N, C-alpha and C. Protein backbone atom coordinates (compact mmCIF):
# COMPACT_ATOMS: atom_id res chain seq x y z
N MET A 1 78.90 111.88 107.88
CA MET A 1 79.26 112.51 109.14
C MET A 1 80.27 113.64 108.93
N ILE A 2 81.19 113.45 107.99
CA ILE A 2 82.18 114.51 107.72
C ILE A 2 81.49 115.76 107.22
N ALA A 3 80.52 115.60 106.30
CA ALA A 3 79.79 116.75 105.77
C ALA A 3 79.03 117.48 106.88
N ILE A 4 78.41 116.72 107.77
CA ILE A 4 77.68 117.32 108.88
C ILE A 4 78.63 118.09 109.78
N LEU A 5 79.78 117.50 110.09
CA LEU A 5 80.76 118.17 110.93
C LEU A 5 81.28 119.44 110.26
N ARG A 6 81.59 119.37 108.98
CA ARG A 6 82.06 120.57 108.26
C ARG A 6 81.01 121.67 108.30
N ASP A 7 79.75 121.31 108.11
CA ASP A 7 78.67 122.29 108.17
C ASP A 7 78.59 122.94 109.55
N ARG A 8 78.66 122.13 110.59
CA ARG A 8 78.62 122.67 111.95
C ARG A 8 79.79 123.61 112.22
N LEU A 9 80.98 123.20 111.79
CA LEU A 9 82.16 124.04 111.99
C LEU A 9 82.00 125.38 111.28
N GLU A 10 81.48 125.34 110.07
CA GLU A 10 81.28 126.57 109.30
C GLU A 10 80.24 127.47 109.98
N ARG A 11 79.11 126.89 110.40
CA ARG A 11 78.07 127.67 111.07
C ARG A 11 78.56 128.32 112.36
N LYS A 12 79.39 127.58 113.09
CA LYS A 12 79.91 128.09 114.36
C LYS A 12 81.20 128.92 114.20
N LYS A 13 81.67 129.00 112.95
CA LYS A 13 82.89 129.75 112.63
C LYS A 13 84.12 129.20 113.36
N VAL A 14 84.17 127.87 113.50
CA VAL A 14 85.32 127.20 114.10
C VAL A 14 86.35 126.99 112.99
N THR A 15 87.56 127.46 113.21
CA THR A 15 88.58 127.38 112.16
C THR A 15 89.78 126.51 112.52
N ASN A 16 89.81 125.98 113.73
CA ASN A 16 90.98 125.20 114.15
C ASN A 16 90.71 123.69 114.21
N VAL A 17 89.70 123.23 113.48
CA VAL A 17 89.38 121.80 113.40
C VAL A 17 89.35 121.42 111.93
N THR A 18 90.04 120.33 111.60
CA THR A 18 90.08 119.85 110.22
C THR A 18 89.54 118.43 110.18
N PRO A 19 88.30 118.24 109.75
CA PRO A 19 87.77 116.87 109.64
C PRO A 19 88.43 116.13 108.48
N ILE A 20 88.84 114.92 108.74
CA ILE A 20 89.47 114.08 107.72
C ILE A 20 88.85 112.69 107.81
N LEU A 21 88.42 112.18 106.67
CA LEU A 21 87.85 110.84 106.64
C LEU A 21 89.00 109.84 106.51
N ALA A 22 89.30 109.18 107.59
CA ALA A 22 90.37 108.18 107.62
C ALA A 22 89.82 106.84 107.18
N SER A 23 90.72 105.90 106.97
CA SER A 23 90.29 104.52 106.69
C SER A 23 90.70 103.65 107.87
N GLN A 24 90.29 102.41 107.83
CA GLN A 24 90.64 101.49 108.92
C GLN A 24 92.12 101.11 108.90
N HIS A 25 92.82 101.47 107.84
CA HIS A 25 94.24 101.15 107.73
C HIS A 25 95.14 102.38 107.75
N ASP A 26 94.58 103.57 107.53
CA ASP A 26 95.39 104.76 107.34
C ASP A 26 94.66 105.98 107.89
N PRO A 27 95.29 106.71 108.81
CA PRO A 27 94.64 107.91 109.33
C PRO A 27 94.57 109.05 108.31
N ARG A 28 95.32 108.94 107.23
CA ARG A 28 95.33 109.94 106.14
C ARG A 28 95.64 111.34 106.64
N LEU A 29 96.61 111.42 107.52
CA LEU A 29 97.08 112.70 108.04
C LEU A 29 98.54 112.88 107.68
N PRO A 30 98.95 114.09 107.34
CA PRO A 30 100.37 114.33 107.06
C PRO A 30 101.22 114.19 108.33
N ALA A 31 102.47 113.88 108.16
CA ALA A 31 103.39 113.75 109.29
C ALA A 31 103.48 115.08 110.03
N GLY A 32 103.46 115.00 111.35
CA GLY A 32 103.60 116.18 112.20
C GLY A 32 102.46 117.18 112.07
N PHE A 33 101.30 116.74 111.69
CA PHE A 33 100.16 117.61 111.37
C PHE A 33 99.29 117.97 112.58
N ALA A 34 99.06 117.01 113.46
CA ALA A 34 97.97 117.14 114.43
C ALA A 34 98.45 117.39 115.86
N ASP A 35 97.75 118.29 116.53
CA ASP A 35 97.92 118.47 117.97
C ASP A 35 97.16 117.37 118.72
N LEU A 36 96.04 116.95 118.13
CA LEU A 36 95.19 115.96 118.76
C LEU A 36 94.51 115.12 117.68
N VAL A 37 94.55 113.81 117.87
CA VAL A 37 93.80 112.90 117.01
C VAL A 37 92.72 112.28 117.88
N LEU A 38 91.47 112.45 117.46
CA LEU A 38 90.31 111.97 118.21
C LEU A 38 89.71 110.78 117.48
N ILE A 39 89.62 109.66 118.17
CA ILE A 39 89.04 108.43 117.62
C ILE A 39 87.85 108.07 118.51
N VAL A 40 86.66 108.03 117.92
CA VAL A 40 85.45 107.80 118.72
C VAL A 40 84.67 106.61 118.18
N ASN A 41 84.50 105.61 119.03
CA ASN A 41 83.67 104.43 118.77
C ASN A 41 84.06 103.68 117.50
N THR A 42 85.33 103.74 117.12
CA THR A 42 85.76 103.05 115.90
C THR A 42 87.02 102.22 116.07
N PHE A 43 87.79 102.45 117.12
CA PHE A 43 89.07 101.76 117.25
C PHE A 43 88.91 100.25 117.21
N HIS A 44 87.82 99.75 117.74
CA HIS A 44 87.59 98.30 117.76
C HIS A 44 87.41 97.73 116.36
N HIS A 45 87.21 98.57 115.35
CA HIS A 45 87.06 98.11 113.96
C HIS A 45 88.40 97.95 113.24
N PHE A 46 89.47 98.53 113.75
CA PHE A 46 90.75 98.51 113.05
C PHE A 46 91.33 97.10 113.07
N PRO A 47 91.72 96.57 111.90
CA PRO A 47 92.26 95.21 111.85
C PRO A 47 93.50 95.04 112.73
N SER A 48 94.35 96.08 112.78
CA SER A 48 95.52 96.03 113.64
C SER A 48 95.64 97.35 114.38
N GLY A 49 95.18 97.36 115.61
CA GLY A 49 95.24 98.57 116.42
C GLY A 49 96.64 99.08 116.62
N ALA A 50 97.61 98.18 116.77
CA ALA A 50 98.99 98.61 116.99
C ALA A 50 99.53 99.32 115.75
N VAL A 51 99.27 98.77 114.59
CA VAL A 51 99.72 99.40 113.34
C VAL A 51 99.08 100.77 113.19
N TYR A 52 97.80 100.85 113.50
CA TYR A 52 97.09 102.12 113.37
C TYR A 52 97.65 103.17 114.34
N LEU A 53 97.89 102.78 115.58
CA LEU A 53 98.45 103.74 116.54
C LEU A 53 99.84 104.21 116.12
N ARG A 54 100.64 103.33 115.56
CA ARG A 54 101.95 103.75 115.06
C ARG A 54 101.80 104.77 113.93
N ALA A 55 100.82 104.54 113.05
CA ALA A 55 100.57 105.48 111.96
C ALA A 55 100.08 106.82 112.51
N VAL A 56 99.20 106.78 113.50
CA VAL A 56 98.71 108.01 114.12
C VAL A 56 99.86 108.76 114.79
N GLU A 57 100.76 108.03 115.41
CA GLU A 57 101.89 108.67 116.09
C GLU A 57 102.70 109.53 115.13
N THR A 58 102.89 109.09 113.91
CA THR A 58 103.67 109.88 112.95
C THR A 58 102.96 111.17 112.56
N CYS A 59 101.65 111.22 112.76
CA CYS A 59 100.85 112.40 112.40
C CYS A 59 100.91 113.48 113.47
N LEU A 60 101.36 113.13 114.66
CA LEU A 60 101.30 114.06 115.78
C LEU A 60 102.45 115.06 115.76
N LYS A 61 102.12 116.27 116.18
CA LYS A 61 103.15 117.27 116.45
C LYS A 61 103.84 116.88 117.76
N PRO A 62 104.99 117.47 118.06
CA PRO A 62 105.58 117.23 119.37
C PRO A 62 104.57 117.58 120.47
N ARG A 63 104.48 116.76 121.46
CA ARG A 63 103.51 116.89 122.57
C ARG A 63 102.07 116.69 122.11
N GLY A 64 101.88 116.14 120.90
CA GLY A 64 100.54 115.83 120.42
C GLY A 64 99.92 114.70 121.22
N ARG A 65 98.61 114.61 121.18
CA ARG A 65 97.89 113.61 121.96
C ARG A 65 96.94 112.81 121.07
N VAL A 66 96.59 111.63 121.55
CA VAL A 66 95.58 110.80 120.93
C VAL A 66 94.49 110.57 121.96
N VAL A 67 93.25 110.80 121.58
CA VAL A 67 92.13 110.49 122.46
C VAL A 67 91.34 109.36 121.82
N ASN A 68 91.12 108.33 122.60
CA ASN A 68 90.28 107.23 122.15
C ASN A 68 89.09 107.11 123.09
N ILE A 69 87.91 107.14 122.48
CA ILE A 69 86.67 106.89 123.21
C ILE A 69 86.06 105.67 122.55
N ASP A 70 85.84 104.63 123.33
CA ASP A 70 85.24 103.42 122.77
C ASP A 70 84.46 102.71 123.87
N PHE A 71 83.69 101.73 123.46
CA PHE A 71 82.78 101.06 124.38
C PHE A 71 83.51 100.11 125.33
N HIS A 72 83.05 100.11 126.58
CA HIS A 72 83.53 99.13 127.55
C HIS A 72 83.19 97.73 127.05
N GLY A 73 83.97 96.76 127.47
CA GLY A 73 83.68 95.38 127.13
C GLY A 73 82.40 94.90 127.81
N GLY A 74 81.94 93.74 127.39
CA GLY A 74 80.75 93.15 128.01
C GLY A 74 79.47 93.58 127.33
N ASP A 75 78.38 93.09 127.87
CA ASP A 75 77.06 93.41 127.32
C ASP A 75 76.61 94.78 127.81
N LEU A 76 76.24 95.62 126.87
CA LEU A 76 75.74 96.96 127.16
C LEU A 76 74.47 97.19 126.35
N PRO A 77 73.64 98.13 126.77
CA PRO A 77 72.43 98.40 125.99
C PRO A 77 72.70 99.16 124.68
N VAL A 78 73.93 99.62 124.48
CA VAL A 78 74.32 100.34 123.26
C VAL A 78 75.66 99.80 122.77
N GLY A 79 75.99 100.14 121.54
CA GLY A 79 77.30 99.78 121.01
C GLY A 79 77.30 98.45 120.29
N PRO A 80 78.47 98.04 119.86
CA PRO A 80 78.60 96.80 119.11
C PRO A 80 78.41 95.58 120.00
N PRO A 81 78.22 94.42 119.38
CA PRO A 81 78.14 93.19 120.17
C PRO A 81 79.40 92.99 121.02
N SER A 82 79.24 92.31 122.11
CA SER A 82 80.32 92.12 123.07
C SER A 82 81.61 91.60 122.44
N GLY A 83 81.50 90.65 121.52
CA GLY A 83 82.68 90.06 120.90
C GLY A 83 83.45 90.98 119.97
N GLU A 84 82.87 92.11 119.61
CA GLU A 84 83.54 93.05 118.70
C GLU A 84 84.24 94.19 119.44
N LYS A 85 84.05 94.29 120.72
CA LYS A 85 84.60 95.41 121.49
C LYS A 85 86.05 95.17 121.86
N LEU A 86 86.75 96.27 122.10
CA LEU A 86 88.11 96.23 122.64
C LEU A 86 88.04 96.89 124.01
N SER A 87 88.21 96.12 125.04
CA SER A 87 88.07 96.65 126.40
C SER A 87 89.12 97.72 126.68
N ARG A 88 88.86 98.52 127.67
CA ARG A 88 89.79 99.56 128.11
C ARG A 88 91.15 98.94 128.45
N ILE A 89 91.13 97.85 129.19
CA ILE A 89 92.39 97.20 129.59
C ILE A 89 93.17 96.75 128.37
N ASP A 90 92.51 96.13 127.42
CA ASP A 90 93.20 95.67 126.21
C ASP A 90 93.69 96.84 125.36
N PHE A 91 92.90 97.91 125.29
CA PHE A 91 93.35 99.10 124.56
C PHE A 91 94.60 99.67 125.21
N LEU A 92 94.60 99.79 126.53
CA LEU A 92 95.77 100.35 127.22
C LEU A 92 97.01 99.47 127.06
N LYS A 93 96.85 98.16 127.08
CA LYS A 93 97.99 97.26 126.84
C LYS A 93 98.57 97.51 125.46
N LEU A 94 97.71 97.61 124.49
CA LEU A 94 98.13 97.84 123.10
C LEU A 94 98.83 99.20 122.98
N ALA A 95 98.25 100.24 123.56
CA ALA A 95 98.83 101.58 123.49
C ALA A 95 100.21 101.62 124.14
N ARG A 96 100.34 100.99 125.30
CA ARG A 96 101.64 100.96 125.99
C ARG A 96 102.67 100.17 125.20
N ALA A 97 102.23 99.11 124.54
CA ALA A 97 103.15 98.28 123.75
C ALA A 97 103.76 99.05 122.58
N VAL A 98 103.06 100.07 122.08
CA VAL A 98 103.61 100.85 120.96
C VAL A 98 104.20 102.18 121.42
N GLY A 99 104.34 102.36 122.74
CA GLY A 99 105.07 103.50 123.25
C GLY A 99 104.25 104.67 123.78
N PHE A 100 102.95 104.51 123.89
CA PHE A 100 102.12 105.57 124.46
C PHE A 100 101.95 105.35 125.95
N SER A 101 101.67 106.43 126.66
CA SER A 101 101.28 106.34 128.06
C SER A 101 100.02 107.16 128.26
N VAL A 102 99.37 106.95 129.37
CA VAL A 102 98.12 107.65 129.65
C VAL A 102 98.43 109.05 130.16
N ALA A 103 97.87 110.04 129.49
CA ALA A 103 97.99 111.43 129.94
C ALA A 103 96.82 111.81 130.83
N ALA A 104 95.64 111.26 130.52
CA ALA A 104 94.44 111.55 131.32
C ALA A 104 93.37 110.52 130.99
N GLU A 105 92.47 110.33 131.93
CA GLU A 105 91.28 109.50 131.71
C GLU A 105 90.09 110.23 132.29
N HIS A 106 88.96 110.05 131.63
CA HIS A 106 87.72 110.67 132.10
C HIS A 106 86.67 109.58 132.23
N THR A 107 85.84 109.68 133.23
CA THR A 107 84.90 108.60 133.53
C THR A 107 83.44 109.05 133.50
N PHE A 108 83.14 110.16 132.83
CA PHE A 108 81.78 110.66 132.85
C PHE A 108 80.86 109.98 131.83
N LEU A 109 81.40 109.19 130.92
CA LEU A 109 80.56 108.50 129.94
C LEU A 109 80.08 107.17 130.52
N PRO A 110 78.79 106.88 130.44
CA PRO A 110 78.28 105.67 131.09
C PRO A 110 78.67 104.36 130.39
N TYR A 111 78.88 104.37 129.09
CA TYR A 111 79.11 103.12 128.36
C TYR A 111 80.48 103.05 127.67
N GLN A 112 81.23 104.12 127.76
CA GLN A 112 82.51 104.18 127.06
C GLN A 112 83.64 104.58 127.99
N TYR A 113 84.84 104.17 127.62
CA TYR A 113 86.03 104.70 128.28
C TYR A 113 86.54 105.86 127.44
N PHE A 114 87.26 106.77 128.07
CA PHE A 114 87.75 108.00 127.44
C PHE A 114 89.19 108.15 127.90
N VAL A 115 90.13 107.84 127.03
CA VAL A 115 91.54 107.81 127.38
C VAL A 115 92.31 108.77 126.49
N GLU A 116 93.11 109.60 127.11
CA GLU A 116 94.01 110.51 126.40
C GLU A 116 95.43 109.98 126.52
N LEU A 117 96.07 109.78 125.38
CA LEU A 117 97.43 109.23 125.34
C LEU A 117 98.44 110.28 124.96
N LYS A 118 99.66 110.10 125.47
CA LYS A 118 100.79 110.92 125.06
C LYS A 118 101.94 109.99 124.72
N ARG A 119 102.91 110.52 123.99
CA ARG A 119 104.09 109.74 123.64
C ARG A 119 105.11 109.82 124.73
């Protein structure tokens, strides 16, 4: 996926996006590096979401944001099995517990929540 994204960015001449292959334990971003960290359909895989969000926080520039898009809880025709999902409510509890607040939410995705966090 990283190679595909890099190819698309090059073809479209986009120069302000840096794809980085993170791990489930480490965002692999330098401190104060990012204006925005985008996490899509993967947060539910992190062994410790709180630890990961704290690590992401160190990567943000002042006024930086974190966007998490992940599947709603329950049975859906797409996405991981119900027991593997992290519901929007549980994600927000976790985010607030580590010091984030909601900057914006978008509801146009049929099967996922889309939450933008700020410090």
